[in-house]
Amino acid sequence: KYTQFSIFYFWINSLGQNMSICDRLENIVIPSGKENKTATISFDHRITPPENTSSTGTYYCMVKWNSIHKMGKGVFVLARGTGYADTSYGWEILITLTVLLAALSITATALLLWKRK
């Protein structure tokens, strides 16, 4: 009864629209001696972004047996355009400030030594 089932991959975009990615029918052969036991089977699927739309949304996997439906909790994906660069300048400011303070310190020390002579 549970050896034949369908797997559905879909996502819900930021507008709340349900977008189908793919679905497939699976027929699993149960080895002798493994009947009436719980089994876990992994299925991998590579998702490619739909063309001309944003890929941001929550992605789901759902499995359907005859009258039973099981759905995952979903994974939220925030898609950004290619070439995105973080605009944090923290390290650059810290290095610039350190170099500036070091130059001022060296200059002040040189002036004190020159004035002493």
C-alpha atoms as a PDB file:
ATOM      1  CA  LYS A   1       0.000   0.000   0.000  1.00  0.00           C
ATOM      2  CA  TYR A   2       2.867   2.432   0.797  1.00  0.00           C
ATOM      3  CA  THR A   3       5.301   1.356  -1.913  1.00  0.00           C
ATOM      4  CA  GLN A   4       3.883   3.681  -4.550  1.00  0.00           C
ATOM      5  CA  PHE A   5       3.735   7.402  -3.816  1.00  0.00           C
ATOM      6  CA  SER A   6       4.190  10.807  -5.417  1.00  0.00           C
ATOM      7  CA  ILE A   7       6.715  13.476  -4.450  1.00  0.00           C
ATOM      8  CA  PHE A   8       5.911  17.128  -5.140  1.00  0.00           C
ATOM      9  CA  TYR A   9       8.363  20.044  -4.943  1.00  0.00           C
ATOM     10  CA  PHE A  10       6.892  23.536  -4.894  1.00  0.00           C
ATOM     11  CA  TRP A  11       7.475  27.007  -3.505  1.00  0.00           C
ATOM     12  CA  ILE A  12       5.353  29.862  -2.314  1.00  0.00           C
ATOM     13  CA  ASN A  13       6.652  33.210  -3.533  1.00  0.00           C
ATOM     14  CA  SER A  14       6.535  36.571  -1.752  1.00  0.00           C
ATOM     15  CA  LEU A  15       3.046  37.218  -3.200  1.00  0.00           C
ATOM     16  CA  GLY A  16       1.705  34.011  -1.642  1.00  0.00           C
ATOM     17  CA  GLN A  17       1.422  32.213  -4.980  1.00  0.00           C
ATOM     18  CA  ASN A  18       2.007  28.454  -5.043  1.00  0.00           C
ATOM     19  CA  MET A  19       4.475  27.626  -7.839  1.00  0.00           C
ATOM     20  CA  SER A  20       5.073  23.991  -8.830  1.00  0.00           C
ATOM     21  CA  ILE A  21       8.699  22.985  -9.404  1.00  0.00           C
ATOM     22  CA  CYS A  22       8.320  19.312 -10.262  1.00  0.00           C
ATOM     23  CA  ASP A  23       6.611  16.116  -9.236  1.00  0.00           C
ATOM     24  CA  ARG A  24       7.402  12.479  -9.739  1.00  0.00           C
ATOM     25  CA  LEU A  25       5.931   9.064  -9.035  1.00  0.00           C
ATOM     26  CA  GLU A  26       8.022   6.600  -7.042  1.00  0.00           C
ATOM     27  CA  ASN A  27       7.562   2.858  -6.775  1.00  0.00           C
ATOM     28  CA  ILE A  28       9.759   1.307  -4.086  1.00  0.00           C
ATOM     29  CA  VAL A  29      10.488  -2.411  -3.895  1.00  0.00           C
ATOM     30  CA  ILE A  30      10.516  -3.724  -0.324  1.00  0.00           C
ATOM     31  CA  PRO A  31      13.153  -6.430   0.265  1.00  0.00           C
ATOM     32  CA  SER A  32      12.032  -9.711   1.796  1.00  0.00           C
ATOM     33  CA  GLY A  33      12.024  -9.564   5.590  1.00  0.00           C
ATOM     34  CA  LYS A  34      11.599  -5.765   5.701  1.00  0.00           C
ATOM     35  CA  GLU A  35       7.815  -5.735   5.371  1.00  0.00           C
ATOM     36  CA  ASN A  36       5.752  -3.921   8.048  1.00  0.00           C
ATOM     37  CA  LYS A  37       8.751  -1.936   9.270  1.00  0.00           C
ATOM     38  CA  THR A  38       9.297   1.816   9.188  1.00  0.00           C
ATOM     39  CA  ALA A  39      11.892   2.922   6.670  1.00  0.00           C
ATOM     40  CA  THR A  40      13.411   6.265   5.774  1.00  0.00           C
ATOM     41  CA  ILE A  41      14.474   6.942   2.209  1.00  0.00           C
ATOM     42  CA  SER A  42      16.282  10.092   1.054  1.00  0.00           C
ATOM     43  CA  PHE A  43      15.529  11.725  -2.266  1.00  0.00           C
ATOM     44  CA  ASP A  44      17.769  14.478  -3.598  1.00  0.00           C
ATOM     45  CA  HIS A  45      16.503  17.111  -5.972  1.00  0.00           C
ATOM     46  CA  ARG A  46      18.395  20.093  -7.386  1.00  0.00           C
ATOM     47  CA  ILE A  47      16.197  23.140  -7.719  1.00  0.00           C
ATOM     48  CA  THR A  48      16.951  25.609 -10.476  1.00  0.00           C
ATOM     49  CA  PRO A  49      15.444  29.087 -10.254  1.00  0.00           C
ATOM     50  CA  PRO A  50      12.526  29.867 -12.532  1.00  0.00           C
ATOM     51  CA  GLU A  51      13.359  32.206 -15.385  1.00  0.00           C
ATOM     52  CA  ASN A  52      12.386  35.894 -15.235  1.00  0.00           C
ATOM     53  CA  THR A  53      11.132  35.656 -11.649  1.00  0.00           C
ATOM     54  CA  SER A  54      12.608  36.077  -8.211  1.00  0.00           C
ATOM     55  CA  SER A  55      13.549  32.828  -6.486  1.00  0.00           C
ATOM     56  CA  THR A  56      12.808  34.276  -3.040  1.00  0.00           C
ATOM     57  CA  GLY A  57      10.180  32.291  -1.181  1.00  0.00           C
ATOM     58  CA  THR A  58       9.560  29.229   0.955  1.00  0.00           C
ATOM     59  CA  TYR A  59      10.316  25.875  -0.691  1.00  0.00           C
ATOM     60  CA  TYR A  60       8.408  22.726   0.250  1.00  0.00           C
ATOM     61  CA  CYS A  61       8.405  18.998  -0.397  1.00  0.00           C
ATOM     62  CA  MET A  62       5.180  17.006  -0.104  1.00  0.00           C
ATOM     63  CA  VAL A  63       4.618  13.250  -0.349  1.00  0.00           C
ATOM     64  CA  LYS A  64       1.233  11.721  -1.188  1.00  0.00           C
ATOM     65  CA  TRP A  65       0.171   8.151  -0.655  1.00  0.00           C
ATOM     66  CA  ASN A  66      -3.380   7.074  -1.517  1.00  0.00           C
ATOM     67  CA  SER A  67      -5.230   9.286   0.969  1.00  0.00           C
ATOM     68  CA  ILE A  68      -2.289  10.409   3.127  1.00  0.00           C
ATOM     69  CA  HIS A  69      -0.414  13.703   2.596  1.00  0.00           C
ATOM     70  CA  LYS A  70       2.791  14.607   4.423  1.00  0.00           C
ATOM     71  CA  MET A  71       4.474  17.973   3.927  1.00  0.00           C
ATOM     72  CA  GLY A  72       7.789  19.332   5.179  1.00  0.00           C
ATOM     73  CA  LYS A  73       8.106  22.527   7.223  1.00  0.00           C
ATOM     74  CA  GLY A  74       9.612  24.388   4.276  1.00  0.00           C
ATOM     75  CA  VAL A  75      12.856  26.271   3.807  1.00  0.00           C
ATOM     76  CA  PHE A  76      12.854  30.029   3.269  1.00  0.00           C
ATOM     77  CA  VAL A  77      15.320  31.226   0.618  1.00  0.00           C
ATOM     78  CA  LEU A  78      16.219  34.891   0.119  1.00  0.00           C
ATOM     79  CA  ALA A  79      17.678  35.250  -3.365  1.00  0.00           C
ATOM     80  CA  ARG A  80      19.800  38.264  -4.236  1.00  0.00           C
ATOM     81  CA  GLY A  81      21.177  39.330  -7.591  1.00  0.00           C
ATOM     82  CA  THR A  82      24.622  38.229  -8.679  1.00  0.00           C
ATOM     83  CA  GLY A  83      27.529  40.439  -7.785  1.00  0.00           C
ATOM     84  CA  TYR A  84      26.140  41.492  -4.412  1.00  0.00           C
ATOM     85  CA  ALA A  85      28.856  42.995  -2.231  1.00  0.00           C
ATOM     86  CA  ASP A  86      28.532  43.708   1.463  1.00  0.00           C
ATOM     87  CA  THR A  87      28.931  47.447   2.057  1.00  0.00           C
ATOM     88  CA  SER A  88      30.508  47.185   5.506  1.00  0.00           C
ATOM     89  CA  TYR A  89      33.601  49.392   5.788  1.00  0.00           C
ATOM     90  CA  GLY A  90      34.508  48.430   9.375  1.00  0.00           C
ATOM     91  CA  TRP A  91      37.957  46.960   8.650  1.00  0.00           C
ATOM     92  CA  GLU A  92      38.944  49.754   6.276  1.00  0.00           C
ATOM     93  CA  ILE A  93      38.072  52.436   8.853  1.00  0.00           C
ATOM     94  CA  LEU A  94      39.923  50.576  11.624  1.00  0.00           C
ATOM     95  CA  ILE A  95      43.101  50.189   9.541  1.00  0.00           C
ATOM     96  CA  THR A  96      43.003  53.832   8.387  1.00  0.00           C
ATOM     97  CA  LEU A  97      42.566  55.075  11.959  1.00  0.00           C
ATOM     98  CA  THR A  98      45.430  52.864  13.209  1.00  0.00           C
ATOM     99  CA  VAL A  99      47.804  54.099  10.476  1.00  0.00           C
ATOM    100  CA  LEU A 100      46.849  57.723  11.145  1.00  0.00           C
ATOM    101  CA  LEU A 101      47.433  57.390  14.906  1.00  0.00           C
ATOM    102  CA  ALA A 102      50.765  55.636  14.322  1.00  0.00           C
ATOM    103  CA  ALA A 103      51.928  58.443  11.976  1.00  0.00           C
ATOM    104  CA  LEU A 104      50.897  61.111  14.500  1.00  0.00           C
ATOM    105  CA  SER A 105      52.661  59.247  17.292  1.00  0.00           C
ATOM    106  CA  ILE A 106      55.913  58.951  15.302  1.00  0.00           C
ATOM    107  CA  THR A 107      55.732  62.637  14.307  1.00  0.00           C
ATOM    108  CA  ALA A 108      55.112  63.756  17.907  1.00  0.00           C
ATOM    109  CA  THR A 109      57.996  61.624  19.191  1.00  0.00           C
ATOM    110  CA  ALA A 110      60.336  63.027  16.513  1.00  0.00           C
ATOM    111  CA  LEU A 111      59.335  66.610  17.377  1.00  0.00           C
ATOM    112  CA  LEU A 112      59.907  66.013  21.099  1.00  0.00           C
ATOM    113  CA  LEU A 113      63.345  64.525  20.448  1.00  0.00           C
ATOM    114  CA  TRP A 114      64.250  67.387  18.051  1.00  0.00           C
ATOM    115  CA  LYS A 115      63.087  70.034  20.559  1.00  0.00           C
ATOM    116  CA  ARG A 116      65.163  68.380  23.297  1.00  0.00           C
ATOM    117  CA  LYS A 117      68.397  68.881  21.335  1.00  0.00           C
END
